[in-house]
Amino acid sequence: MNLRHATIVLGSIAVFGLAACGETKQDRALSGAAIGAGAGAAAGGLTGGSVLGGAALGGAAGAAGGYFTDKNDINLGKPIWKR
């Protein structure tokens, strides 16, 4: 496994771990998409890959991770747009 693959794997783990911000499935999907897009863009930039491609893949993974988690799995409180 090279550095690029390791970065993608670790980024994905972080995205899924943080994807459950919010109380509803839609809140968690939106916050997961935002976190995933940021992490994916950073991973793409750091590994020399496509920043936009990383953001798209990270956003999709984060949205899916947020949507398919339950609020009792990880609850980091209300999303910032509802405070």
PDB file of N, CA and C in Angstrom:
ATOM      1  N   MET A   1       0.858  -1.169   0.000  1.00  0.00           N
ATOM      2  CA  MET A   1       0.000   0.000   0.000  1.00  0.00           C
ATOM      3  C   MET A   1       0.904   1.233   0.000  1.00  0.00           C
ATOM      4  N   ASN A   2       0.695   2.115  -0.952  1.00  0.00           N
ATOM      5  CA  ASN A   2       1.516   3.313  -1.000  1.00  0.00           C
ATOM      6  C   ASN A   2       0.883   4.449  -0.201  1.00  0.00           C
ATOM      7  N   LEU A   3       1.571   5.566  -0.166  1.00  0.00           N
ATOM      8  CA  LEU A   3       1.115   6.700   0.640  1.00  0.00           C
ATOM      9  C   LEU A   3      -0.251   7.201   0.197  1.00  0.00           C
ATOM     10  N   ARG A   4      -0.492   7.206  -1.096  1.00  0.00           N
ATOM     11  CA  ARG A   4      -1.774   7.697  -1.601  1.00  0.00           C
ATOM     12  C   ARG A   4      -2.922   6.822  -1.104  1.00  0.00           C
ATOM     13  N   HIS A   5      -2.760   5.527  -1.198  1.00  0.00           N
ATOM     14  CA  HIS A   5      -3.817   4.621  -0.731  1.00  0.00           C
ATOM     15  C   HIS A   5      -4.013   4.731   0.778  1.00  0.00           C
ATOM     16  N   ALA A   6      -2.922   4.851   1.503  1.00  0.00           N
ATOM     17  CA  ALA A   6      -3.021   4.987   2.956  1.00  0.00           C
ATOM     18  C   ALA A   6      -3.763   6.259   3.332  1.00  0.00           C
ATOM     19  N   THR A   7      -3.483   7.334   2.619  1.00  0.00           N
ATOM     20  CA  THR A   7      -4.161   8.598   2.893  1.00  0.00           C
ATOM     21  C   THR A   7      -5.651   8.495   2.613  1.00  0.00           C
ATOM     22  N   ILE A   8      -5.997   7.845   1.528  1.00  0.00           N
ATOM     23  CA  ILE A   8      -7.411   7.679   1.178  1.00  0.00           C
ATOM     24  C   ILE A   8      -8.125   6.824   2.225  1.00  0.00           C
ATOM     25  N   VAL A   9      -7.503   5.756   2.638  1.00  0.00           N
ATOM     26  CA  VAL A   9      -8.118   4.874   3.636  1.00  0.00           C
ATOM     27  C   VAL A   9      -8.300   5.608   4.960  1.00  0.00           C
ATOM     28  N   LEU A  10      -7.251   6.282   5.420  1.00  0.00           N
ATOM     29  CA  LEU A  10      -7.350   7.009   6.691  1.00  0.00           C
ATOM     30  C   LEU A  10      -8.348   8.154   6.599  1.00  0.00           C
ATOM     31  N   GLY A  11      -8.385   8.823   5.472  1.00  0.00           N
ATOM     32  CA  GLY A  11      -9.373   9.885   5.278  1.00  0.00           C
ATOM     33  C   GLY A  11     -10.791   9.364   5.299  1.00  0.00           C
ATOM     34  N   SER A  12     -10.991   8.206   4.680  1.00  0.00           N
ATOM     35  CA  SER A  12     -12.325   7.597   4.674  1.00  0.00           C
ATOM     36  C   SER A  12     -12.765   7.216   6.081  1.00  0.00           C
ATOM     37  N   ILE A  13     -11.850   6.678   6.850  1.00  0.00           N
ATOM     38  CA  ILE A  13     -12.176   6.328   8.237  1.00  0.00           C
ATOM     39  C   ILE A  13     -12.569   7.573   9.017  1.00  0.00           C
ATOM     40  N   ALA A  14     -11.826   8.652   8.836  1.00  0.00           N
ATOM     41  CA  ALA A  14     -12.145   9.896   9.531  1.00  0.00           C
ATOM     42  C   ALA A  14     -13.499  10.441   9.095  1.00  0.00           C
ATOM     43  N   VAL A  15     -13.779  10.355   7.802  1.00  0.00           N
ATOM     44  CA  VAL A  15     -15.060  10.854   7.283  1.00  0.00           C
ATOM     45  C   VAL A  15     -16.220  10.081   7.884  1.00  0.00           C
ATOM     46  N   PHE A  16     -16.125   8.767   7.878  1.00  0.00           N
ATOM     47  CA  PHE A  16     -17.219   7.974   8.427  1.00  0.00           C
ATOM     48  C   PHE A  16     -17.352   8.173   9.931  1.00  0.00           C
ATOM     49  N   GLY A  17     -16.257   8.415  10.604  1.00  0.00           N
ATOM     50  CA  GLY A  17     -16.316   8.662  12.041  1.00  0.00           C
ATOM     51  C   GLY A  17     -16.981   9.972  12.386  1.00  0.00           C
ATOM     52  N   LEU A  18     -16.817  10.963  11.525  1.00  0.00           N
ATOM     53  CA  LEU A  18     -17.389  12.279  11.796  1.00  0.00           C
ATOM     54  C   LEU A  18     -18.689  12.536  11.049  1.00  0.00           C
ATOM     55  N   ALA A  19     -19.135  11.604  10.281  1.00  0.00           N
ATOM     56  CA  ALA A  19     -20.283  11.834   9.413  1.00  0.00           C
ATOM     57  C   ALA A  19     -21.602  11.926  10.157  1.00  0.00           C
ATOM     58  N   ALA A  20     -21.640  11.582  11.400  1.00  0.00           N
ATOM     59  CA  ALA A  20     -22.909  11.511  12.119  1.00  0.00           C
ATOM     60  C   ALA A  20     -23.253  12.793  12.859  1.00  0.00           C
ATOM     61  N   CYS A  21     -22.804  13.933  12.412  1.00  0.00           N
ATOM     62  CA  CYS A  21     -23.142  15.204  13.046  1.00  0.00           C
ATOM     63  C   CYS A  21     -24.576  15.576  12.671  1.00  0.00           C
ATOM     64  N   GLY A  22     -25.455  15.675  13.623  1.00  0.00           N
ATOM     65  CA  GLY A  22     -26.826  16.058  13.359  1.00  0.00           C
ATOM     66  C   GLY A  22     -27.816  15.080  13.953  1.00  0.00           C
ATOM     67  N   GLU A  23     -29.060  15.497  13.952  1.00  0.00           N
ATOM     68  CA  GLU A  23     -30.100  14.688  14.576  1.00  0.00           C
ATOM     69  C   GLU A  23     -30.909  13.881  13.576  1.00  0.00           C
ATOM     70  N   THR A  24     -31.048  14.358  12.347  1.00  0.00           N
ATOM     71  CA  THR A  24     -31.820  13.636  11.347  1.00  0.00           C
ATOM     72  C   THR A  24     -30.879  13.046  10.302  1.00  0.00           C
ATOM     73  N   LYS A  25     -31.404  12.113   9.515  1.00  0.00           N
ATOM     74  CA  LYS A  25     -30.596  11.522   8.452  1.00  0.00           C
ATOM     75  C   LYS A  25     -30.125  12.590   7.472  1.00  0.00           C
ATOM     76  N   GLN A  26     -30.981  13.552   7.172  1.00  0.00           N
ATOM     77  CA  GLN A  26     -30.612  14.598   6.229  1.00  0.00           C
ATOM     78  C   GLN A  26     -29.506  15.490   6.793  1.00  0.00           C
ATOM     79  N   ASP A  27     -29.595  15.822   8.078  1.00  0.00           N
ATOM     80  CA  ASP A  27     -28.533  16.621   8.715  1.00  0.00           C
ATOM     81  C   ASP A  27     -27.202  15.896   8.680  1.00  0.00           C
ATOM     82  N   ARG A  28     -27.235  14.609   9.007  1.00  0.00           N
ATOM     83  CA  ARG A  28     -25.994  13.835   9.013  1.00  0.00           C
ATOM     84  C   ARG A  28     -25.442  13.668   7.607  1.00  0.00           C
ATOM     85  N   ALA A  29     -26.306  13.515   6.615  1.00  0.00           N
ATOM     86  CA  ALA A  29     -25.844  13.386   5.231  1.00  0.00           C
ATOM     87  C   ALA A  29     -25.200  14.692   4.760  1.00  0.00           C
ATOM     88  N   LEU A  30     -25.810  15.832   5.089  1.00  0.00           N
ATOM     89  CA  LEU A  30     -25.243  17.124   4.682  1.00  0.00           C
ATOM     90  C   LEU A  30     -23.917  17.403   5.365  1.00  0.00           C
ATOM     91  N   SER A  31     -23.862  17.193   6.664  1.00  0.00           N
ATOM     92  CA  SER A  31     -22.609  17.458   7.368  1.00  0.00           C
ATOM     93  C   SER A  31     -21.542  16.440   6.965  1.00  0.00           C
ATOM     94  N   GLY A  32     -21.930  15.210   6.737  1.00  0.00           N
ATOM     95  CA  GLY A  32     -20.983  14.204   6.266  1.00  0.00           C
ATOM     96  C   GLY A  32     -20.432  14.548   4.895  1.00  0.00           C
ATOM     97  N   ALA A  33     -21.293  15.062   4.020  1.00  0.00           N
ATOM     98  CA  ALA A  33     -20.841  15.472   2.689  1.00  0.00           C
ATOM     99  C   ALA A  33     -19.846  16.618   2.776  1.00  0.00           C
ATOM    100  N   ALA A  34     -20.117  17.586   3.642  1.00  0.00           N
ATOM    101  CA  ALA A  34     -19.204  18.720   3.795  1.00  0.00           C
ATOM    102  C   ALA A  34     -17.854  18.283   4.357  1.00  0.00           C
ATOM    103  N   ILE A  35     -17.889  17.462   5.381  1.00  0.00           N
ATOM    104  CA  ILE A  35     -16.646  16.971   5.979  1.00  0.00           C
ATOM    105  C   ILE A  35     -15.896  16.099   4.976  1.00  0.00           C
ATOM    106  N   GLY A  36     -16.609  15.237   4.290  1.00  0.00           N
ATOM    107  CA  GLY A  36     -15.984  14.352   3.318  1.00  0.00           C
ATOM    108  C   GLY A  36     -15.379  15.100   2.143  1.00  0.00           C
ATOM    109  N   ALA A  37     -16.072  16.129   1.675  1.00  0.00           N
ATOM    110  CA  ALA A  37     -15.536  16.908   0.563  1.00  0.00           C
ATOM    111  C   ALA A  37     -14.246  17.617   0.972  1.00  0.00           C
ATOM    112  N   GLY A  38     -14.230  18.165   2.167  1.00  0.00           N
ATOM    113  CA  GLY A  38     -13.014  18.818   2.652  1.00  0.00           C
ATOM    114  C   GLY A  38     -11.864  17.849   2.811  1.00  0.00           C
ATOM    115  N   ALA A  39     -12.148  16.701   3.402  1.00  0.00           N
ATOM    116  CA  ALA A  39     -11.106  15.690   3.600  1.00  0.00           C
ATOM    117  C   ALA A  39     -10.640  15.124   2.263  1.00  0.00           C
ATOM    118  N   GLY A  40     -11.565  14.905   1.349  1.00  0.00           N
ATOM    119  CA  GLY A  40     -11.207  14.371   0.035  1.00  0.00           C
ATOM    120  C   GLY A  40     -10.380  15.348  -0.771  1.00  0.00           C
ATOM    121  N   ALA A  41     -10.727  16.632  -0.709  1.00  0.00           N
ATOM    122  CA  ALA A  41      -9.945  17.650  -1.416  1.00  0.00           C
ATOM    123  C   ALA A  41      -8.541  17.741  -0.832  1.00  0.00           C
ATOM    124  N   ALA A  42      -8.448  17.698   0.481  1.00  0.00           N
ATOM    125  CA  ALA A  42      -7.129  17.748   1.129  1.00  0.00           C
ATOM    126  C   ALA A  42      -6.305  16.519   0.764  1.00  0.00           C
ATOM    127  N   ALA A  43      -6.922  15.347   0.785  1.00  0.00           N
ATOM    128  CA  ALA A  43      -6.199  14.125   0.437  1.00  0.00           C
ATOM    129  C   ALA A  43      -5.750  14.157  -1.019  1.00  0.00           C
ATOM    130  N   GLY A  44      -6.623  14.647  -1.896  1.00  0.00           N
ATOM    131  CA  GLY A  44      -6.245  14.750  -3.304  1.00  0.00           C
ATOM    132  C   GLY A  44      -5.094  15.709  -3.515  1.00  0.00           C
ATOM    133  N   GLY A  45      -5.121  16.833  -2.822  1.00  0.00           N
ATOM    134  CA  GLY A  45      -4.041  17.805  -2.942  1.00  0.00           C
ATOM    135  C   GLY A  45      -2.731  17.310  -2.360  1.00  0.00           C
ATOM    136  N   LEU A  46      -2.796  16.637  -1.229  1.00  0.00           N
ATOM    137  CA  LEU A  46      -1.577  16.154  -0.573  1.00  0.00           C
ATOM    138  C   LEU A  46      -0.923  15.000  -1.316  1.00  0.00           C
ATOM    139  N   THR A  47      -1.722  14.203  -1.991  1.00  0.00           N
ATOM    140  CA  THR A  47      -1.167  13.039  -2.675  1.00  0.00           C
ATOM    141  C   THR A  47      -0.842  13.315  -4.132  1.00  0.00           C
ATOM    142  N   GLY A  48      -1.086  14.526  -4.602  1.00  0.00           N
ATOM    143  CA  GLY A  48      -0.801  14.852  -5.992  1.00  0.00           C
ATOM    144  C   GLY A  48      -1.908  14.442  -6.939  1.00  0.00           C
ATOM    145  N   GLY A  49      -3.022  14.031  -6.413  1.00  0.00           N
ATOM    146  CA  GLY A  49      -4.163  13.630  -7.238  1.00  0.00           C
ATOM    147  C   GLY A  49      -5.046  14.827  -7.549  1.00  0.00           C
ATOM    148  N   SER A  50      -6.203  14.553  -8.033  1.00  0.00           N
ATOM    149  CA  SER A  50      -7.159  15.594  -8.384  1.00  0.00           C
ATOM    150  C   SER A  50      -7.878  16.091  -7.135  1.00  0.00           C
ATOM    151  N   VAL A  51      -7.809  17.389  -6.902  1.00  0.00           N
ATOM    152  CA  VAL A  51      -8.499  17.977  -5.750  1.00  0.00           C
ATOM    153  C   VAL A  51     -10.013  17.865  -5.937  1.00  0.00           C
ATOM    154  N   LEU A  52     -10.492  18.168  -7.147  1.00  0.00           N
ATOM    155  CA  LEU A  52     -11.936  18.087  -7.397  1.00  0.00           C
ATOM    156  C   LEU A  52     -12.441  16.650  -7.329  1.00  0.00           C
ATOM    157  N   GLY A  53     -11.659  15.726  -7.875  1.00  0.00           N
ATOM    158  CA  GLY A  53     -12.044  14.320  -7.794  1.00  0.00           C
ATOM    159  C   GLY A  53     -12.079  13.836  -6.362  1.00  0.00           C
ATOM    160  N   GLY A  54     -11.080  14.235  -5.568  1.00  0.00           N
ATOM    161  CA  GLY A  54     -11.056  13.863  -4.155  1.00  0.00           C
ATOM    162  C   GLY A  54     -12.231  14.441  -3.401  1.00  0.00           C
ATOM    163  N   ALA A  55     -12.577  15.701  -3.720  1.00  0.00           N
ATOM    164  CA  ALA A  55     -13.718  16.334  -3.059  1.00  0.00           C
ATOM    165  C   ALA A  55     -15.017  15.629  -3.419  1.00  0.00           C
ATOM    166  N   ALA A  56     -15.155  15.247  -4.689  1.00  0.00           N
ATOM    167  CA  ALA A  56     -16.379  14.561  -5.117  1.00  0.00           C
ATOM    168  C   ALA A  56     -16.507  13.192  -4.459  1.00  0.00           C
ATOM    169  N   LEU A  57     -15.416  12.438  -4.466  1.00  0.00           N
ATOM    170  CA  LEU A  57     -15.470  11.108  -3.839  1.00  0.00           C
ATOM    171  C   LEU A  57     -15.648  11.207  -2.327  1.00  0.00           C
ATOM    172  N   GLY A  58     -14.932  12.118  -1.694  1.00  0.00           N
ATOM    173  CA  GLY A  58     -15.060  12.300  -0.255  1.00  0.00           C
ATOM    174  C   GLY A  58     -16.444  12.779   0.143  1.00  0.00           C
ATOM    175  N   GLY A  59     -16.994  13.692  -0.652  1.00  0.00           N
ATOM    176  CA  GLY A  59     -18.349  14.176  -0.372  1.00  0.00           C
ATOM    177  C   GLY A  59     -19.385  13.082  -0.487  1.00  0.00           C
ATOM    178  N   ALA A  60     -19.248  12.247  -1.510  1.00  0.00           N
ATOM    179  CA  ALA A  60     -20.186  11.141  -1.686  1.00  0.00           C
ATOM    180  C   ALA A  60     -20.053  10.126  -0.554  1.00  0.00           C
ATOM    181  N   ALA A  61     -18.817   9.812  -0.191  1.00  0.00           N
ATOM    182  CA  ALA A  61     -18.601   8.854   0.905  1.00  0.00           C
ATOM    183  C   ALA A  61     -19.111   9.411   2.227  1.00  0.00           C
ATOM    184  N   GLY A  62     -18.857  10.687   2.476  1.00  0.00           N
ATOM    185  CA  GLY A  62     -19.318  11.309   3.713  1.00  0.00           C
ATOM    186  C   GLY A  62     -20.834  11.392   3.792  1.00  0.00           C
ATOM    187  N   ALA A  63     -21.469  11.713   2.667  1.00  0.00           N
ATOM    188  CA  ALA A  63     -22.933  11.777   2.645  1.00  0.00           C
ATOM    189  C   ALA A  63     -23.532  10.402   2.911  1.00  0.00           C
ATOM    190  N   ALA A  64     -22.969   9.383   2.285  1.00  0.00           N
ATOM    191  CA  ALA A  64     -23.466   8.022   2.509  1.00  0.00           C
ATOM    192  C   ALA A  64     -23.230   7.601   3.953  1.00  0.00           C
ATOM    193  N   GLY A  65     -22.043   7.895   4.468  1.00  0.00           N
ATOM    194  CA  GLY A  65     -21.749   7.540   5.857  1.00  0.00           C
ATOM    195  C   GLY A  65     -22.674   8.243   6.831  1.00  0.00           C
ATOM    196  N   GLY A  66     -22.951   9.508   6.588  1.00  0.00           N
ATOM    197  CA  GLY A  66     -23.853  10.252   7.453  1.00  0.00           C
ATOM    198  C   GLY A  66     -25.288   9.769   7.358  1.00  0.00           C
ATOM    199  N   TYR A  67     -25.717   9.435   6.150  1.00  0.00           N
ATOM    200  CA  TYR A  67     -27.092   8.997   5.957  1.00  0.00           C
ATOM    201  C   TYR A  67     -27.351   7.642   6.612  1.00  0.00           C
ATOM    202  N   PHE A  68     -26.368   6.762   6.539  1.00  0.00           N
ATOM    203  CA  PHE A  68     -26.574   5.398   7.029  1.00  0.00           C
ATOM    204  C   PHE A  68     -26.158   5.197   8.480  1.00  0.00           C
ATOM    205  N   THR A  69     -25.855   6.272   9.195  1.00  0.00           N
ATOM    206  CA  THR A  69     -25.582   6.153  10.619  1.00  0.00           C
ATOM    207  C   THR A  69     -26.804   6.598  11.407  1.00  0.00           C
ATOM    208  N   ASP A  70     -26.904   6.107  12.616  1.00  0.00           N
ATOM    209  CA  ASP A  70     -27.991   6.476  13.512  1.00  0.00           C
ATOM    210  C   ASP A  70     -27.496   7.574  14.444  1.00  0.00           C
ATOM    211  N   LYS A  71     -28.383   8.441  14.883  1.00  0.00           N
ATOM    212  CA  LYS A  71     -27.940   9.535  15.751  1.00  0.00           C
ATOM    213  C   LYS A  71     -27.371   9.033  17.072  1.00  0.00           C
ATOM    214  N   ASN A  72     -27.682   7.812  17.448  1.00  0.00           N
ATOM    215  CA  ASN A  72     -27.134   7.251  18.680  1.00  0.00           C
ATOM    216  C   ASN A  72     -25.731   6.675  18.493  1.00  0.00           C
ATOM    217  N   ASP A  73     -25.300   6.489  17.241  1.00  0.00           N
ATOM    218  CA  ASP A  73     -23.953   5.978  16.990  1.00  0.00           C
ATOM    219  C   ASP A  73     -22.912   7.001  17.440  1.00  0.00           C
ATOM    220  N   ILE A  74     -22.995   8.190  16.896  1.00  0.00           N
ATOM    221  CA  ILE A  74     -22.114   9.306  17.274  1.00  0.00           C
ATOM    222  C   ILE A  74     -22.971  10.553  17.231  1.00  0.00           C
ATOM    223  N   ASN A  75     -23.069  11.249  18.332  1.00  0.00           N
ATOM    224  CA  ASN A  75     -23.876  12.460  18.366  1.00  0.00           C
ATOM    225  C   ASN A  75     -22.989  13.617  18.813  1.00  0.00           C
ATOM    226  N   LEU A  76     -22.659  14.490  17.876  1.00  0.00           N
ATOM    227  CA  LEU A  76     -21.837  15.647  18.173  1.00  0.00           C
ATOM    228  C   LEU A  76     -22.682  16.920  18.361  1.00  0.00           C
ATOM    229  N   GLY A  77     -23.966  16.734  18.533  1.00  0.00           N
ATOM    230  CA  GLY A  77     -24.844  17.875  18.778  1.00  0.00           C
ATOM    231  C   GLY A  77     -25.521  18.377  17.519  1.00  0.00           C
ATOM    232  N   LYS A  78     -26.181  19.533  17.656  1.00  0.00           N
ATOM    233  CA  LYS A  78     -26.899  20.117  16.542  1.00  0.00           C
ATOM    234  C   LYS A  78     -25.905  20.605  15.478  1.00  0.00           C
ATOM    235  N   PRO A  79     -26.296  20.475  14.202  1.00  0.00           N
ATOM    236  CA  PRO A  79     -25.425  21.012  13.159  1.00  0.00           C
ATOM    237  C   PRO A  79     -25.325  22.528  13.265  1.00  0.00           C
ATOM    238  N   ILE A  80     -24.264  23.076  12.738  1.00  0.00           N
ATOM    239  CA  ILE A  80     -23.999  24.501  12.875  1.00  0.00           C
ATOM    240  C   ILE A  80     -25.090  25.366  12.241  1.00  0.00           C
ATOM    241  N   TRP A  81     -25.752  24.850  11.188  1.00  0.00           N
ATOM    242  CA  TRP A  81     -26.787  25.646  10.537  1.00  0.00           C
ATOM    243  C   TRP A  81     -28.101  25.644  11.304  1.00  0.00           C
ATOM    244  N   LYS A  82     -28.209  24.892  12.408  1.00  0.00           N
ATOM    245  CA  LYS A  82     -29.419  24.898  13.226  1.00  0.00           C
ATOM    246  C   LYS A  82     -29.191  25.509  14.591  1.00  0.00           C
ATOM    247  N   ARG A  83     -28.020  26.080  14.822  1.00  0.00           N
ATOM    248  CA  ARG A  83     -27.724  26.683  16.133  1.00  0.00           C
ATOM    249  C   ARG A  83     -28.198  28.088  16.185  1.00  0.00           C
TER     250      ARG A  83
END
